[in-house]
Amino acid sequence: MNDTDDIKCAVAGNPVEFAAWLFPASRRKGSKWHVGDVSGAPGESLAIDPDGQFAGHYRDWSSDERGDCIALVMAARGLDFVSATRLLRERYGIATPSRALAGCGEASGLRQ
C-alpha cells in the first residue's frame, strides 16, 4: 500500500467524521453528506459519499468538480497535493512512508 492508499483507507474507515471535520456545516441528506461548495457554504450542491467503494469521494453538482478525499481537502483548504496529504496523514496518524530507493543493495554493490 502507498501513502495515498493509506490516507484513502483511513478516510473510508470513517467518512462521516471526515465530512464533519472538513465541513462542519455539512448535513446528511439521503445516502450522502451535503454542503454548498468547497468553501463550506450552506447548501446541497456538493455531495460526499459516506460508504462503499467511493467513501470520501465528492462531486459538486453545480461545478461538476469531483474527486477523492485528497482532492477535496486540496480544494477546500487551498492546499497543494503534498500539503493536503501531510495534513491528512497527521489527522489520521499515518506515518510518512519511507522513500527507500529501488535498486539499492546488492545491485548497487552494497552488502547487507
N, C-alpha and C. Protein backbone atom coordinates (compact mmCIF):
# COMPACT_ATOMS: atom_id res chain seq x y z
N MET A 1 0.84 -1.18 0.00
CA MET A 1 0.00 0.00 0.00
C MET A 1 0.89 1.24 0.00
N ASN A 2 0.47 2.29 -0.70
CA ASN A 2 1.27 3.51 -0.70
C ASN A 2 0.62 4.58 0.17
N ASP A 3 1.25 5.70 0.22
CA ASP A 3 0.82 6.82 1.06
C ASP A 3 -0.63 7.21 0.80
N THR A 4 -0.98 7.42 -0.45
CA THR A 4 -2.34 7.87 -0.76
C THR A 4 -3.35 6.77 -0.46
N ASP A 5 -3.00 5.51 -0.68
CA ASP A 5 -3.91 4.42 -0.35
C ASP A 5 -4.17 4.38 1.16
N ASP A 6 -3.14 4.57 1.96
CA ASP A 6 -3.30 4.59 3.42
C ASP A 6 -4.26 5.71 3.84
N ILE A 7 -4.11 6.87 3.23
CA ILE A 7 -4.98 8.01 3.56
C ILE A 7 -6.41 7.70 3.15
N LYS A 8 -6.60 7.21 1.95
CA LYS A 8 -7.95 6.90 1.47
C LYS A 8 -8.62 5.84 2.32
N CYS A 9 -7.86 4.84 2.78
CA CYS A 9 -8.42 3.81 3.66
C CYS A 9 -8.82 4.41 5.01
N ALA A 10 -8.01 5.31 5.53
CA ALA A 10 -8.34 5.95 6.80
C ALA A 10 -9.62 6.76 6.69
N VAL A 11 -9.77 7.51 5.61
CA VAL A 11 -10.99 8.29 5.40
C VAL A 11 -12.18 7.37 5.17
N ALA A 12 -11.98 6.33 4.38
CA ALA A 12 -13.08 5.38 4.11
C ALA A 12 -13.54 4.68 5.38
N GLY A 13 -12.64 4.56 6.36
CA GLY A 13 -12.99 3.94 7.62
C GLY A 13 -13.94 4.78 8.46
N ASN A 14 -13.99 6.08 8.22
CA ASN A 14 -14.90 6.96 8.94
C ASN A 14 -15.19 8.22 8.13
N PRO A 15 -15.86 8.06 7.00
CA PRO A 15 -16.10 9.22 6.13
C PRO A 15 -17.06 10.25 6.73
N VAL A 16 -17.91 9.84 7.65
CA VAL A 16 -18.82 10.80 8.30
C VAL A 16 -18.00 11.77 9.14
N GLU A 17 -17.02 11.25 9.87
CA GLU A 17 -16.14 12.10 10.67
C GLU A 17 -15.34 13.02 9.75
N PHE A 18 -14.88 12.48 8.62
CA PHE A 18 -14.13 13.27 7.64
C PHE A 18 -14.97 14.44 7.15
N ALA A 19 -16.21 14.18 6.76
CA ALA A 19 -17.09 15.24 6.25
C ALA A 19 -17.36 16.29 7.32
N ALA A 20 -17.60 15.85 8.55
CA ALA A 20 -17.87 16.78 9.64
C ALA A 20 -16.64 17.62 9.99
N TRP A 21 -15.44 17.01 9.91
CA TRP A 21 -14.20 17.73 10.19
C TRP A 21 -13.94 18.78 9.12
N LEU A 22 -14.06 18.39 7.86
CA LEU A 22 -13.74 19.28 6.76
C LEU A 22 -14.80 20.35 6.57
N PHE A 23 -16.06 19.95 6.74
CA PHE A 23 -17.19 20.87 6.55
C PHE A 23 -18.15 20.75 7.74
N PRO A 24 -17.91 21.50 8.80
CA PRO A 24 -18.78 21.42 9.98
C PRO A 24 -20.26 21.68 9.67
N ALA A 25 -20.54 22.43 8.61
CA ALA A 25 -21.93 22.74 8.26
C ALA A 25 -22.57 21.66 7.38
N SER A 26 -21.82 20.60 7.06
CA SER A 26 -22.38 19.56 6.19
C SER A 26 -23.49 18.80 6.92
N ARG A 27 -24.44 18.32 6.13
CA ARG A 27 -25.58 17.59 6.68
C ARG A 27 -25.86 16.37 5.83
N ARG A 28 -26.32 15.33 6.49
CA ARG A 28 -26.70 14.12 5.76
C ARG A 28 -28.07 14.32 5.15
N LYS A 29 -28.17 13.99 3.87
CA LYS A 29 -29.45 14.03 3.17
C LYS A 29 -29.46 12.80 2.27
N GLY A 30 -30.38 11.91 2.52
CA GLY A 30 -30.39 10.66 1.78
C GLY A 30 -29.17 9.84 2.15
N SER A 31 -28.48 9.35 1.16
CA SER A 31 -27.32 8.49 1.43
C SER A 31 -25.99 9.24 1.46
N LYS A 32 -26.00 10.56 1.27
CA LYS A 32 -24.74 11.31 1.18
C LYS A 32 -24.72 12.49 2.15
N TRP A 33 -23.51 13.02 2.36
CA TRP A 33 -23.34 14.24 3.15
C TRP A 33 -23.24 15.40 2.19
N HIS A 34 -23.93 16.50 2.51
CA HIS A 34 -24.02 17.63 1.59
C HIS A 34 -23.56 18.93 2.25
N VAL A 35 -22.99 19.78 1.39
CA VAL A 35 -22.62 21.14 1.75
C VAL A 35 -22.74 21.94 0.45
N GLY A 36 -22.73 23.25 0.54
CA GLY A 36 -22.94 24.07 -0.64
C GLY A 36 -21.85 23.99 -1.69
N ASP A 37 -20.60 24.05 -1.24
CA ASP A 37 -19.46 24.02 -2.16
C ASP A 37 -18.19 23.78 -1.36
N VAL A 38 -17.04 23.84 -2.02
CA VAL A 38 -15.77 23.55 -1.34
C VAL A 38 -15.40 24.60 -0.29
N SER A 39 -16.08 25.75 -0.29
CA SER A 39 -15.82 26.74 0.75
C SER A 39 -16.55 26.40 2.05
N GLY A 40 -17.45 25.41 1.99
CA GLY A 40 -18.21 25.02 3.18
C GLY A 40 -19.50 25.79 3.34
N ALA A 41 -19.88 26.56 2.32
CA ALA A 41 -21.11 27.35 2.39
C ALA A 41 -22.32 26.43 2.57
N PRO A 42 -23.37 26.94 3.19
CA PRO A 42 -24.58 26.14 3.33
C PRO A 42 -25.15 25.78 1.96
N GLY A 43 -25.76 24.63 1.89
CA GLY A 43 -26.37 24.20 0.64
C GLY A 43 -26.25 22.71 0.46
N GLU A 44 -26.57 22.27 -0.75
CA GLU A 44 -26.59 20.83 -1.01
C GLU A 44 -25.89 20.45 -2.31
N SER A 45 -25.24 21.38 -2.97
CA SER A 45 -24.67 21.11 -4.27
C SER A 45 -23.53 20.10 -4.23
N LEU A 46 -22.68 20.18 -3.19
CA LEU A 46 -21.55 19.27 -3.09
C LEU A 46 -21.96 18.07 -2.23
N ALA A 47 -21.76 16.89 -2.76
CA ALA A 47 -22.11 15.65 -2.05
C ALA A 47 -20.86 14.82 -1.80
N ILE A 48 -20.75 14.30 -0.58
CA ILE A 48 -19.66 13.41 -0.20
C ILE A 48 -20.24 12.03 0.06
N ASP A 49 -19.67 11.03 -0.59
CA ASP A 49 -20.15 9.66 -0.43
C ASP A 49 -19.64 9.09 0.89
N PRO A 50 -20.53 8.62 1.78
CA PRO A 50 -20.10 8.14 3.08
C PRO A 50 -19.73 6.65 3.15
N ASP A 51 -19.97 5.90 2.10
CA ASP A 51 -19.65 4.49 2.21
C ASP A 51 -19.44 3.83 0.85
N GLY A 52 -19.06 2.59 0.91
CA GLY A 52 -18.83 1.84 -0.30
C GLY A 52 -17.49 2.14 -0.95
N GLN A 53 -17.37 1.76 -2.17
CA GLN A 53 -16.13 1.90 -2.94
C GLN A 53 -15.67 3.35 -3.03
N PHE A 54 -16.60 4.30 -3.01
CA PHE A 54 -16.25 5.70 -3.19
C PHE A 54 -16.35 6.52 -1.90
N ALA A 55 -16.23 5.88 -0.76
CA ALA A 55 -16.29 6.59 0.52
C ALA A 55 -15.23 7.69 0.55
N GLY A 56 -15.66 8.90 0.87
CA GLY A 56 -14.75 10.04 0.92
C GLY A 56 -14.62 10.79 -0.39
N HIS A 57 -15.17 10.24 -1.48
CA HIS A 57 -15.15 10.94 -2.77
C HIS A 57 -16.26 11.98 -2.79
N TYR A 58 -16.09 12.95 -3.64
CA TYR A 58 -17.10 14.02 -3.71
C TYR A 58 -17.44 14.36 -5.16
N ARG A 59 -18.57 15.04 -5.28
CA ARG A 59 -18.96 15.65 -6.55
C ARG A 59 -19.73 16.92 -6.23
N ASP A 60 -19.35 18.00 -6.90
CA ASP A 60 -20.08 19.26 -6.78
C ASP A 60 -20.94 19.37 -8.03
N TRP A 61 -22.22 19.23 -7.85
CA TRP A 61 -23.15 19.18 -8.98
C TRP A 61 -23.26 20.52 -9.70
N SER A 62 -22.94 21.64 -9.02
CA SER A 62 -23.05 22.93 -9.70
C SER A 62 -21.83 23.22 -10.58
N SER A 63 -20.66 22.72 -10.20
CA SER A 63 -19.46 23.00 -10.98
C SER A 63 -18.94 21.76 -11.72
N ASP A 64 -19.51 20.62 -11.44
CA ASP A 64 -19.11 19.32 -11.97
C ASP A 64 -17.70 18.92 -11.55
N GLU A 65 -17.18 19.54 -10.47
CA GLU A 65 -15.90 19.11 -9.90
C GLU A 65 -16.15 17.81 -9.15
N ARG A 66 -15.15 16.93 -9.19
CA ARG A 66 -15.25 15.68 -8.46
C ARG A 66 -13.86 15.14 -8.17
N GLY A 67 -13.80 14.25 -7.20
CA GLY A 67 -12.50 13.66 -6.88
C GLY A 67 -12.55 12.88 -5.59
N ASP A 68 -11.36 12.48 -5.16
CA ASP A 68 -11.24 11.70 -3.93
C ASP A 68 -11.07 12.63 -2.73
N CYS A 69 -10.86 12.03 -1.57
CA CYS A 69 -10.74 12.81 -0.34
C CYS A 69 -9.55 13.77 -0.37
N ILE A 70 -8.48 13.38 -1.03
CA ILE A 70 -7.30 14.26 -1.09
C ILE A 70 -7.60 15.47 -1.96
N ALA A 71 -8.24 15.26 -3.10
CA ALA A 71 -8.62 16.38 -3.98
C ALA A 71 -9.59 17.31 -3.26
N LEU A 72 -10.48 16.74 -2.44
CA LEU A 72 -11.45 17.57 -1.72
C LEU A 72 -10.74 18.44 -0.68
N VAL A 73 -9.78 17.89 0.03
CA VAL A 73 -9.02 18.68 1.00
C VAL A 73 -8.23 19.77 0.28
N MET A 74 -7.65 19.43 -0.86
CA MET A 74 -6.91 20.43 -1.64
C MET A 74 -7.82 21.59 -2.01
N ALA A 75 -9.02 21.29 -2.50
CA ALA A 75 -9.94 22.34 -2.92
C ALA A 75 -10.49 23.13 -1.73
N ALA A 76 -10.84 22.43 -0.67
CA ALA A 76 -11.46 23.08 0.49
C ALA A 76 -10.49 23.94 1.27
N ARG A 77 -9.24 23.50 1.37
CA ARG A 77 -8.25 24.21 2.17
C ARG A 77 -7.26 25.01 1.35
N GLY A 78 -7.38 24.94 0.01
CA GLY A 78 -6.46 25.68 -0.85
C GLY A 78 -5.03 25.17 -0.76
N LEU A 79 -4.88 23.86 -0.65
CA LEU A 79 -3.55 23.26 -0.49
C LEU A 79 -3.09 22.56 -1.75
N ASP A 80 -1.78 22.40 -1.88
CA ASP A 80 -1.25 21.56 -2.95
C ASP A 80 -1.32 20.11 -2.48
N PHE A 81 -0.98 19.18 -3.37
CA PHE A 81 -1.10 17.76 -3.07
C PHE A 81 -0.26 17.35 -1.86
N VAL A 82 1.00 17.81 -1.83
CA VAL A 82 1.90 17.43 -0.74
C VAL A 82 1.37 17.93 0.60
N SER A 83 0.91 19.17 0.65
CA SER A 83 0.38 19.73 1.89
C SER A 83 -0.90 19.04 2.33
N ALA A 84 -1.76 18.70 1.37
CA ALA A 84 -3.01 18.01 1.70
C ALA A 84 -2.74 16.62 2.25
N THR A 85 -1.82 15.89 1.62
CA THR A 85 -1.52 14.55 2.14
C THR A 85 -0.85 14.64 3.51
N ARG A 86 -0.01 15.64 3.71
CA ARG A 86 0.62 15.82 5.02
C ARG A 86 -0.45 16.08 6.09
N LEU A 87 -1.39 16.96 5.80
CA LEU A 87 -2.47 17.26 6.73
C LEU A 87 -3.28 16.01 7.06
N LEU A 88 -3.62 15.23 6.05
CA LEU A 88 -4.42 14.03 6.28
C LEU A 88 -3.61 12.95 7.01
N ARG A 89 -2.32 12.82 6.71
CA ARG A 89 -1.50 11.86 7.46
C ARG A 89 -1.48 12.24 8.94
N GLU A 90 -1.31 13.53 9.23
CA GLU A 90 -1.31 13.98 10.62
C GLU A 90 -2.66 13.74 11.27
N ARG A 91 -3.72 14.03 10.55
CA ARG A 91 -5.08 13.88 11.09
C ARG A 91 -5.37 12.44 11.48
N TYR A 92 -4.92 11.51 10.66
CA TYR A 92 -5.23 10.09 10.87
C TYR A 92 -4.07 9.29 11.44
N GLY A 93 -3.01 9.95 11.86
CA GLY A 93 -1.89 9.26 12.49
C GLY A 93 -1.17 8.28 11.58
N ILE A 94 -1.02 8.66 10.32
CA ILE A 94 -0.35 7.80 9.35
C ILE A 94 1.10 8.27 9.22
N ALA A 95 2.01 7.35 9.45
CA ALA A 95 3.44 7.68 9.36
C ALA A 95 3.81 8.01 7.93
N THR A 96 4.77 8.91 7.79
CA THR A 96 5.31 9.23 6.47
C THR A 96 6.00 7.98 5.94
N PRO A 97 5.67 7.57 4.71
CA PRO A 97 6.29 6.36 4.18
C PRO A 97 7.78 6.56 3.95
N SER A 98 8.52 5.46 4.11
CA SER A 98 9.96 5.57 3.84
C SER A 98 10.13 5.64 2.33
N ARG A 99 11.09 6.35 1.92
CA ARG A 99 11.34 6.54 0.49
C ARG A 99 12.63 5.81 0.10
N ALA A 100 12.68 4.52 0.42
CA ALA A 100 13.86 3.73 0.07
C ALA A 100 14.00 3.70 -1.44
N LEU A 101 15.21 3.80 -1.91
CA LEU A 101 15.46 3.79 -3.35
C LEU A 101 15.40 2.37 -3.88
N ALA A 102 14.65 2.20 -4.92
CA ALA A 102 14.60 0.89 -5.57
C ALA A 102 15.95 0.63 -6.21
N GLY A 103 16.37 -0.61 -6.15
CA GLY A 103 17.62 -0.97 -6.78
C GLY A 103 18.83 -0.80 -5.91
N CYS A 104 18.66 -0.34 -4.68
CA CYS A 104 19.81 -0.24 -3.78
C CYS A 104 20.11 -1.63 -3.22
N GLY A 105 21.23 -1.77 -2.65
CA GLY A 105 21.59 -3.06 -2.06
C GLY A 105 22.54 -3.79 -2.96
N GLU A 106 22.28 -5.07 -3.17
CA GLU A 106 23.20 -5.91 -3.93
C GLU A 106 23.46 -5.39 -5.33
N ALA A 107 22.41 -4.93 -6.00
CA ALA A 107 22.57 -4.47 -7.39
C ALA A 107 23.52 -3.30 -7.48
N SER A 108 23.60 -2.48 -6.44
CA SER A 108 24.49 -1.32 -6.48
C SER A 108 25.83 -1.61 -5.85
N GLY A 109 26.05 -2.86 -5.48
CA GLY A 109 27.34 -3.21 -4.90
C GLY A 109 27.38 -3.12 -3.39
N LEU A 110 26.27 -2.73 -2.76
CA LEU A 110 26.23 -2.65 -1.30
C LEU A 110 25.87 -4.02 -0.73
N ARG A 111 26.45 -4.36 0.36
CA ARG A 111 26.15 -5.64 1.02
C ARG A 111 25.48 -5.35 2.34
N GLN A 112 24.58 -6.23 2.71
CA GLN A 112 23.86 -6.04 3.98
C GLN A 112 24.42 -6.91 5.04
